[in-house]
Amino acid sequence: MMAKKILICADSTCDLSPDMIERCGITIMHLHVRLGDDERLDMLDVFPDDLYDFYKKTGKLPATSAGTPTDYQEFFGKYSNPDTAIVHFHLSSEMSATYNNSLMASKEFEDVHVVDSESLSTGIGLLALKAAELAETGDYTAAQIAEECRKASKTLNVSFVVDNLEFLWKGGRCSGVAALGANMLRLKPCIEVKDGKMGMGKKYRGRLEAVLEEYVDERLKGRDDLSLDRVFITHSGMSNPEIIPRVVERIRACAPFKEVLVTRAGCSVTTHCGPNTLGLLFFTGEA
């Protein structure tokens, strides 16, 4: 009996670049973004700079929304057939209804496996890339790939440094007093993902360039538990273009990753965190 083709899919919140998506053969489910009354599809007909333009013009944040069960039924229906198995990756179930909605829809299809990334952004992307690599070997079924990636999700290290709390405040994720105080003191909080939830980590202080150097050192320097295949630098658009090469150089000085990948965050991170947000995302252990 001929082995099934395995299709690796992910929501657009995975924040992988178009080149990487094409190279690894990952199929994207585009989620909804609303700019006022105008509803568009994330990273298909609306992009992060569109969100900034909308905010500057209106003073209002765009809104992202989870895919509905019907959205996922239609998506899986395009690709599900007797010769194809699907592994699909989602934003953490603690942060969004996408996973539960997709899980509900998947029960109507044979050999569709949905994976709760317990993460966001290129944390999801790291799992999708791992899945694509496992599928390429031909040694795993879709169910086995999904299970391997569920295990790997426990070893993700995902964090972002936020330059300004304005977007978090406008989105109701911190108080106006806290945002004003942090900005006056030039505090730049680190948002960490643990057990599928976002929480506040260390609060850095000072110029963004210096803060990011300290952040990289604390995340990577002297560690012996890093999986050195790849690390993502994911950012929401940096006002100083020299920051990214400096961060790359700092990472190289801390750990011998085979790949240091730079990607622009999509609409979800952009809406919640605003410009000049930058994160490091990587596996630890044997993932």
Protein backbone atom coordinates (compact mmCIF):
# COMPACT_ATOMS: atom_id res chain seq x y z
CA MET A 1 0.00 0.00 0.00
CA MET A 2 1.36 3.38 -1.00
CA ALA A 3 2.18 5.77 1.86
CA LYS A 4 0.02 8.84 2.16
CA LYS A 5 1.30 12.26 1.31
CA ILE A 6 1.64 14.29 4.51
CA LEU A 7 0.62 17.94 4.28
CA ILE A 8 2.02 20.27 6.94
CA CYS A 9 -0.22 23.26 7.65
CA ALA A 10 -0.21 26.17 10.08
CA ASP A 11 -2.24 29.23 10.92
CA SER A 12 -0.87 32.53 9.63
CA THR A 13 0.18 33.34 13.21
CA CYS A 14 3.24 31.10 12.63
CA ASP A 15 5.08 34.18 11.26
CA LEU A 16 7.22 32.24 8.78
CA SER A 17 8.52 34.18 5.78
CA PRO A 18 6.97 33.53 2.35
CA ASP A 19 10.28 32.08 1.14
CA MET A 20 10.48 29.65 4.03
CA ILE A 21 6.83 28.63 3.63
CA GLU A 22 7.43 27.87 -0.03
CA ARG A 23 10.77 26.12 0.52
CA CYS A 24 9.37 23.82 3.21
CA GLY A 25 6.03 23.21 1.52
CA ILE A 26 3.91 24.50 4.41
CA THR A 27 0.29 25.39 3.69
CA ILE A 28 -1.08 28.45 5.50
CA MET A 29 -4.55 29.04 6.92
CA HIS A 30 -5.07 32.81 6.86
CA LEU A 31 -6.91 34.16 9.91
CA HIS A 32 -9.15 37.22 10.01
CA VAL A 33 -8.09 40.77 10.85
CA ARG A 34 -10.57 43.63 11.22
CA LEU A 35 -9.66 47.25 10.53
CA GLY A 36 -12.82 48.89 11.81
CA ASP A 37 -15.60 47.44 9.65
CA ASP A 38 -13.16 46.17 7.03
CA GLU A 39 -12.36 42.46 7.45
CA ARG A 40 -9.30 41.04 5.72
CA LEU A 41 -7.10 37.94 5.76
CA ASP A 42 -3.86 38.02 7.74
CA MET A 43 -0.73 38.08 5.55
CA LEU A 44 -2.83 37.72 2.40
CA ASP A 45 -4.51 41.09 1.95
CA VAL A 46 -3.45 42.82 5.16
CA PHE A 47 0.08 43.19 6.50
CA PRO A 48 1.70 44.67 9.63
CA ASP A 49 2.43 48.09 8.11
CA ASP A 50 -1.26 48.36 7.18
CA LEU A 51 -2.08 47.97 10.87
CA TYR A 52 0.29 50.77 11.84
CA ASP A 53 -1.22 53.01 9.16
CA PHE A 54 -4.73 52.26 10.43
CA TYR A 55 -3.71 53.03 14.02
CA LYS A 56 -2.08 56.33 13.05
CA LYS A 57 -5.19 57.42 11.15
CA THR A 58 -7.84 56.28 13.63
CA GLY A 59 -6.16 55.87 17.03
CA LYS A 60 -7.81 52.45 17.19
CA LEU A 61 -6.17 49.05 17.21
CA PRO A 62 -7.11 46.50 14.57
CA ALA A 63 -8.64 43.28 15.89
CA THR A 64 -7.59 39.72 15.18
CA SER A 65 -10.06 36.86 15.48
CA ALA A 66 -9.89 33.09 15.70
CA GLY A 67 -10.82 30.89 12.79
CA THR A 68 -14.30 29.42 13.25
CA PRO A 69 -15.11 25.69 13.00
CA THR A 70 -16.64 26.46 9.60
CA ASP A 71 -13.40 28.16 8.47
CA TYR A 72 -11.45 25.03 9.38
CA GLN A 73 -13.99 22.71 7.79
CA GLU A 74 -13.56 24.58 4.54
CA PHE A 75 -9.77 24.65 4.87
CA PHE A 76 -9.37 20.94 5.66
CA GLY A 77 -11.95 20.11 2.99
CA LYS A 78 -9.67 21.61 0.31
CA TYR A 79 -6.83 19.21 1.09
CA SER A 80 -8.22 16.14 2.83
CA ASN A 81 -8.52 13.07 0.60
CA PRO A 82 -7.79 9.32 0.87
CA ASP A 83 -4.19 9.88 -0.29
CA THR A 84 -3.35 12.83 1.99
CA ALA A 85 -2.92 13.19 5.75
CA ILE A 86 -2.77 16.60 7.41
CA VAL A 87 -0.86 17.92 10.42
CA HIS A 88 -1.97 21.43 11.40
CA PHE A 89 -0.39 23.82 13.93
CA HIS A 90 -2.11 26.50 15.99
CA LEU A 91 -1.62 29.35 18.40
CA SER A 92 -1.68 28.14 22.01
CA SER A 93 -5.12 27.04 23.16
CA GLU A 94 -4.55 29.23 26.24
CA MET A 95 -4.44 32.32 24.02
CA SER A 96 -7.02 31.65 21.33
CA ALA A 97 -10.02 29.52 20.36
CA THR A 98 -8.33 28.51 17.10
CA TYR A 99 -7.14 25.15 18.43
CA ASN A 100 -10.49 24.08 19.86
CA ASN A 101 -12.36 25.25 16.76
CA SER A 102 -9.94 23.39 14.52
CA LEU A 103 -10.11 20.27 16.67
CA MET A 104 -13.88 20.30 16.36
CA ALA A 105 -13.66 20.61 12.58
CA SER A 106 -10.96 17.93 12.25
CA LYS A 107 -13.30 15.25 13.60
CA GLU A 108 -15.21 15.36 10.33
CA PHE A 109 -12.16 14.23 8.37
CA GLU A 110 -9.96 11.16 8.31
CA ASP A 111 -6.27 11.54 9.16
CA VAL A 112 -6.31 15.22 10.13
CA HIS A 113 -4.18 15.90 13.21
CA VAL A 114 -4.22 19.27 14.96
CA VAL A 115 -1.40 20.29 17.28
CA ASP A 116 -1.66 22.84 20.08
CA SER A 117 1.70 24.60 19.80
CA GLU A 118 1.41 25.97 23.36
CA SER A 119 3.19 28.90 21.77
CA LEU A 120 2.84 31.82 19.39
CA SER A 121 4.60 33.40 16.40
CA THR A 122 7.66 31.50 15.19
CA GLY A 123 7.33 29.17 18.16
CA ILE A 124 4.54 27.73 16.01
CA GLY A 125 6.85 28.08 13.02
CA LEU A 126 9.61 26.06 14.67
CA LEU A 127 7.18 23.18 15.19
CA ALA A 128 5.91 23.39 11.61
CA LEU A 129 9.49 23.28 10.29
CA LYS A 130 10.25 20.28 12.49
CA ALA A 131 7.13 18.56 11.15
CA ALA A 132 8.13 19.29 7.55
CA GLU A 133 11.57 17.80 8.17
CA LEU A 134 10.08 14.66 9.74
CA ALA A 135 7.65 14.29 6.84
CA GLU A 136 10.51 14.63 4.36
CA THR A 137 12.22 11.53 5.80
CA GLY A 138 9.27 9.32 4.91
CA ASP A 139 9.74 7.44 8.19
CA TYR A 140 6.77 8.89 10.10
CA THR A 141 3.01 8.82 9.78
CA ALA A 142 1.06 12.03 10.27
CA ALA A 143 -0.05 10.85 13.71
CA GLN A 144 3.56 10.18 14.72
CA ILE A 145 4.68 13.59 13.47
CA ALA A 146 1.92 15.28 15.45
CA GLU A 147 2.96 13.42 18.59
CA GLU A 148 6.66 14.22 18.13
CA CYS A 149 5.78 17.89 17.76
CA ARG A 150 3.58 17.88 20.85
CA LYS A 151 6.59 16.61 22.78
CA ALA A 152 8.83 19.23 21.15
CA SER A 153 6.43 22.03 22.12
CA LYS A 154 7.46 21.44 25.74
CA THR A 155 11.04 22.42 24.87
CA LEU A 156 10.27 25.73 23.12
CA ASN A 157 11.83 28.86 24.56
CA VAL A 158 9.79 31.85 23.43
CA SER A 159 10.09 35.46 24.57
CA PHE A 160 9.84 39.03 23.27
CA VAL A 161 11.08 42.39 24.50
CA VAL A 162 8.50 45.15 24.07
CA ASP A 163 9.85 48.65 23.49
CA ASN A 164 6.70 50.61 24.32
CA LEU A 165 3.56 49.55 26.21
CA GLU A 166 1.16 51.71 24.19
CA PHE A 167 -0.31 48.85 22.17
CA LEU A 168 -0.56 46.54 25.20
CA TRP A 169 -2.39 49.32 27.03
CA LYS A 170 -4.74 50.09 24.15
CA GLY A 171 -5.45 46.36 23.85
CA GLY A 172 -6.39 46.14 27.53
CA ARG A 173 -3.40 44.02 28.51
CA CYS A 174 -1.93 46.49 31.00
CA SER A 175 -3.22 49.53 32.84
CA GLY A 176 -2.69 53.07 31.62
CA VAL A 177 -0.83 53.90 34.82
CA ALA A 178 1.52 50.95 34.34
CA ALA A 179 2.13 51.90 30.71
CA LEU A 180 2.81 55.54 31.56
CA GLY A 181 5.14 54.61 34.42
CA ALA A 182 7.04 52.09 32.33
CA ASN A 183 7.49 54.53 29.47
CA MET A 184 8.63 57.34 31.78
CA LEU A 185 11.18 55.02 33.38
CA ARG A 186 12.19 53.65 29.94
CA LEU A 187 11.25 50.14 31.06
CA LYS A 188 11.08 47.46 28.40
CA PRO A 189 9.34 44.32 29.66
CA CYS A 190 10.12 40.83 28.47
CA ILE A 191 7.04 38.79 27.65
CA GLU A 192 7.61 35.05 28.11
CA VAL A 193 5.51 32.09 27.04
CA LYS A 194 5.31 29.31 29.62
CA ASP A 195 2.82 26.44 29.72
CA GLY A 196 1.05 28.00 26.76
CA LYS A 197 0.43 31.31 28.53
CA MET A 198 1.98 34.75 28.17
CA GLY A 199 3.46 36.29 31.30
CA MET A 200 5.65 39.20 32.24
CA GLY A 201 9.31 38.43 32.79
CA LYS A 202 12.20 40.74 33.51
CA LYS A 203 11.75 44.47 33.02
CA TYR A 204 14.79 45.91 31.26
CA ARG A 205 15.69 49.57 31.42
CA GLY A 206 17.49 51.84 28.99
CA ARG A 207 18.02 52.26 25.26
CA LEU A 208 16.55 49.50 23.13
CA GLU A 209 19.88 48.63 21.51
CA ALA A 210 21.59 48.05 24.86
CA VAL A 211 18.56 46.25 26.29
CA LEU A 212 18.50 43.78 23.40
CA GLU A 213 22.18 42.96 23.85
CA GLU A 214 21.54 42.20 27.51
CA TYR A 215 18.44 40.19 26.60
CA VAL A 216 20.33 38.03 24.08
CA ASP A 217 23.12 37.37 26.59
CA GLU A 218 20.68 36.33 29.29
CA ARG A 219 18.74 34.05 26.96
CA LEU A 220 21.70 32.27 25.36
CA LYS A 221 25.08 32.86 27.00
CA GLY A 222 26.69 29.95 28.81
CA ARG A 223 23.81 27.54 28.22
CA ASP A 224 24.47 23.86 27.53
CA ASP A 225 20.83 22.91 26.83
CA LEU A 226 20.36 24.65 23.47
CA SER A 227 19.22 22.77 20.39
CA LEU A 228 21.57 24.41 17.90
CA ASP A 229 19.78 23.73 14.62
CA ARG A 230 18.14 27.16 14.43
CA VAL A 231 17.06 30.25 16.30
CA PHE A 232 14.53 32.83 15.16
CA ILE A 233 14.82 36.57 15.58
CA THR A 234 11.24 37.70 15.10
CA HIS A 235 10.41 41.41 15.15
CA SER A 236 7.48 43.71 14.53
CA GLY A 237 9.39 46.27 12.47
CA MET A 238 12.40 48.12 13.88
CA SER A 239 12.79 51.89 13.60
CA ASN A 240 16.59 51.45 13.60
CA PRO A 241 17.56 49.01 10.81
CA GLU A 242 21.00 48.46 12.36
CA ILE A 243 19.50 46.65 15.36
CA ILE A 244 18.87 43.36 13.56
CA PRO A 245 22.47 42.75 12.36
CA ARG A 246 23.69 43.65 15.85
CA VAL A 247 21.36 41.07 17.40
CA VAL A 248 22.52 38.47 14.87
CA GLU A 249 26.13 39.22 15.76
CA ARG A 250 25.36 38.96 19.47
CA ILE A 251 23.65 35.61 18.99
CA ARG A 252 26.63 34.30 17.02
CA ALA A 253 28.91 35.34 19.87
CA CYS A 254 26.78 33.46 22.41
CA ALA A 255 26.00 30.15 20.67
CA PRO A 256 26.95 28.32 17.45
CA PHE A 257 23.50 27.99 15.89
CA LYS A 258 23.52 26.45 12.42
CA GLU A 259 20.85 28.91 11.30
CA VAL A 260 20.00 32.37 12.63
CA LEU A 261 16.72 33.21 10.91
CA VAL A 262 15.18 36.68 10.83
CA THR A 263 11.47 37.06 10.23
CA ARG A 264 8.91 39.86 10.47
CA ALA A 265 6.07 39.21 12.88
CA GLY A 266 2.61 39.07 11.38
CA CYS A 267 -0.57 40.84 12.34
CA SER A 268 -1.16 39.09 15.69
CA VAL A 269 2.11 40.06 17.39
CA THR A 270 2.01 43.46 15.70
CA THR A 271 -1.48 44.25 16.98
CA HIS A 272 -0.71 43.22 20.54
CA CYS A 273 2.85 44.50 20.99
CA GLY A 274 3.39 47.36 18.56
CA PRO A 275 6.59 48.43 16.76
CA ASN A 276 10.15 47.74 17.93
CA THR A 277 9.20 44.45 19.57
CA LEU A 278 11.84 41.74 19.12
CA GLY A 279 11.99 38.17 20.32
CA LEU A 280 14.22 35.10 20.34
CA LEU A 281 12.60 31.73 19.73
CA PHE A 282 14.40 28.40 19.84
CA PHE A 283 14.29 24.82 21.08
CA THR A 284 16.15 23.54 24.09
CA GLY A 285 17.19 19.93 24.68
CA GLU A 286 17.03 17.35 21.93
CA ALA A 287 14.07 18.76 19.96
